[in-house]
Amino acid sequence: MIMLAASSFDDIVAITVFGILIAISFDSITGGSTDIGPMIGWNVLYIVVGIVVGALLGLSMIVIKKVNNWIKFFLMLSIAISLPFITHALKFEDSKYVGVIFYGYCTFRVWGKDKPDQLLGKFWKGCGPFLFGTIGASV
């Protein structure tokens, strides 16, 4: 489980740094007058906001620690899916990946042995190929 989390975090760091470098390079190609320093500062802020929001959302799941696993599953899934849309609406688009990773990690730590493992495993078996297919297509 730790290996899976570490590899996911590594992918998120790579995607985030790639996004930062693409933003800087496209701005310099198009002749933008934005200085590199503020661009890097904003991207660091996005990462910090993603970490804080994801951790707070994950730690707030202690409230529903003792409810049914189906409720946990649907609540966790709805928050994880809606977080990218919320960050897009708030113009913090680079926070979404880090936020979802930290949300999942903190939820995992809070729920301990009471997490819906089997339900998430079945859901992942169905969605995993679509996820990797869309990531491969976007790259």
Protein backbone atom coordinates (compact mmCIF):
# COMPACT_ATOMS: atom_id res chain seq x y z
CA MET A 1 0.00 0.00 0.00
CA ILE A 2 2.86 2.38 0.79
CA MET A 3 4.44 1.58 -2.58
CA LEU A 4 1.20 2.46 -4.39
CA ALA A 5 0.88 5.73 -2.48
CA ALA A 6 4.52 6.64 -3.13
CA SER A 7 4.22 5.97 -6.85
CA SER A 8 1.00 7.99 -7.03
CA PHE A 9 2.59 10.90 -5.20
CA ASP A 10 5.60 10.69 -7.53
CA ASP A 11 3.26 10.92 -10.53
CA ILE A 12 1.47 13.92 -9.05
CA VAL A 13 4.75 15.73 -8.41
CA ALA A 14 5.87 15.01 -11.97
CA ILE A 15 2.57 16.23 -13.46
CA THR A 16 2.61 19.38 -11.31
CA VAL A 17 6.20 20.28 -12.16
CA PHE A 18 5.49 19.55 -15.83
CA GLY A 19 2.52 21.92 -15.68
CA ILE A 20 4.66 24.65 -14.12
CA LEU A 21 7.36 24.31 -16.77
CA ILE A 22 4.82 24.23 -19.60
CA ALA A 23 3.16 27.40 -18.28
CA ILE A 24 6.51 29.19 -18.09
CA SER A 25 7.67 28.02 -21.51
CA PHE A 26 4.40 28.86 -23.29
CA ASP A 27 4.33 32.29 -21.69
CA SER A 28 7.87 32.97 -22.91
CA ILE A 29 7.05 31.61 -26.41
CA THR A 30 3.96 33.79 -26.81
CA GLY A 31 5.89 36.84 -25.68
CA GLY A 32 4.10 37.28 -22.37
CA SER A 33 5.47 39.96 -20.11
CA THR A 34 4.96 37.95 -16.93
CA ASP A 35 8.06 37.48 -14.85
CA ILE A 36 9.04 33.91 -13.99
CA GLY A 37 9.26 34.59 -10.24
CA PRO A 38 5.56 35.34 -9.69
CA MET A 39 4.57 32.40 -11.89
CA ILE A 40 6.62 30.01 -9.77
CA GLY A 41 5.28 31.65 -6.61
CA TRP A 42 1.67 31.16 -7.73
CA ASN A 43 2.34 27.53 -8.57
CA VAL A 44 3.89 26.92 -5.16
CA LEU A 45 0.82 28.55 -3.63
CA TYR A 46 -1.40 26.21 -5.65
CA ILE A 47 0.50 23.20 -4.33
CA VAL A 48 0.28 24.40 -0.72
CA VAL A 49 -3.44 25.13 -1.07
CA GLY A 50 -3.97 21.65 -2.54
CA ILE A 51 -2.14 20.04 0.38
CA VAL A 52 -4.05 22.04 2.99
CA VAL A 53 -7.50 21.58 1.43
CA GLY A 54 -6.95 17.86 0.80
CA ALA A 55 -5.66 17.30 4.33
CA LEU A 56 -8.54 19.24 5.91
CA LEU A 57 -11.13 17.37 3.85
CA GLY A 58 -9.51 14.04 4.72
CA LEU A 59 -9.26 14.82 8.42
CA SER A 60 -12.90 15.92 8.46
CA MET A 61 -13.87 12.36 7.56
CA ILE A 62 -13.43 11.42 11.23
CA VAL A 63 -17.00 12.65 11.65
CA ILE A 64 -18.36 9.71 9.65
CA LYS A 65 -15.92 7.07 10.88
CA LYS A 66 -18.63 4.82 12.36
CA VAL A 67 -21.21 4.91 9.53
CA ASN A 68 -21.94 2.26 6.90
CA ASN A 69 -19.21 1.52 4.34
CA TRP A 70 -21.56 2.30 1.44
CA ILE A 71 -22.08 5.83 2.76
CA LYS A 72 -18.33 6.26 3.20
CA PHE A 73 -17.73 4.97 -0.32
CA PHE A 74 -20.19 7.32 -2.00
CA LEU A 75 -19.15 10.33 0.08
CA MET A 76 -15.47 9.73 -0.59
CA LEU A 77 -16.09 9.19 -4.27
CA SER A 78 -18.24 12.30 -4.62
CA ILE A 79 -15.69 14.50 -2.86
CA ALA A 80 -12.79 13.10 -4.89
CA ILE A 81 -14.67 13.65 -8.16
CA SER A 82 -15.99 17.11 -7.27
CA LEU A 83 -12.68 18.49 -5.95
CA PRO A 84 -11.19 19.05 -9.45
CA PHE A 85 -14.37 20.83 -10.58
CA ILE A 86 -14.33 23.05 -7.50
CA THR A 87 -10.67 23.98 -7.98
CA HIS A 88 -11.39 24.77 -11.63
CA ALA A 89 -14.28 27.06 -10.66
CA LEU A 90 -12.09 28.83 -8.07
CA LYS A 91 -9.21 29.25 -10.57
CA PHE A 92 -6.90 27.02 -8.50
CA GLU A 93 -6.61 24.37 -11.19
CA ASP A 94 -3.10 23.26 -10.30
CA SER A 95 -4.26 22.34 -6.78
CA LYS A 96 -6.53 19.52 -7.83
CA TYR A 97 -4.07 16.63 -8.12
CA VAL A 98 -2.24 17.31 -4.89
CA GLY A 99 -5.54 17.95 -3.12
CA VAL A 100 -7.04 14.62 -4.17
CA ILE A 101 -3.90 12.70 -3.17
CA PHE A 102 -3.77 14.30 0.27
CA TYR A 103 -7.53 13.87 0.70
CA GLY A 104 -7.21 10.15 0.04
CA TYR A 105 -4.19 9.76 2.29
CA CYS A 106 -5.70 11.63 5.23
CA THR A 107 -9.00 9.75 4.84
CA PHE A 108 -7.05 6.48 4.85
CA ARG A 109 -5.26 7.51 8.06
CA VAL A 110 -8.44 8.70 9.79
CA TRP A 111 -10.60 5.67 8.99
CA GLY A 112 -7.93 3.08 9.75
CA LYS A 113 -9.49 -0.40 9.60
CA ASP A 114 -13.00 1.01 9.06
CA LYS A 115 -12.43 2.02 5.43
CA PRO A 116 -14.44 0.54 2.52
CA ASP A 117 -11.58 -1.47 0.98
CA GLN A 118 -13.62 -3.98 -1.02
CA LEU A 119 -15.94 -1.35 -2.50
CA LEU A 120 -13.04 0.87 -3.56
CA GLY A 121 -11.21 -2.15 -4.99
CA LYS A 122 -14.18 -3.13 -7.15
CA PHE A 123 -14.64 0.46 -8.30
CA TRP A 124 -10.93 0.75 -9.17
CA LYS A 125 -11.00 -2.45 -11.26
CA GLY A 126 -13.67 -0.87 -13.44
CA CYS A 127 -12.23 2.64 -13.64
CA GLY A 128 -8.50 1.91 -13.73
CA PRO A 129 -8.28 1.21 -17.47
CA PHE A 130 -10.28 4.36 -18.28
CA LEU A 131 -8.03 6.47 -16.06
CA PHE A 132 -4.82 5.21 -17.59
CA GLY A 133 -6.29 5.43 -21.09
CA THR A 134 -7.25 9.09 -20.67
CA ILE A 135 -3.91 9.96 -19.10
CA GLY A 136 -2.10 8.26 -21.96
CA ALA A 137 -4.26 10.04 -24.51
CA SER A 138 -3.63 13.45 -22.93
CA VAL A 139 0.13 12.97 -22.89
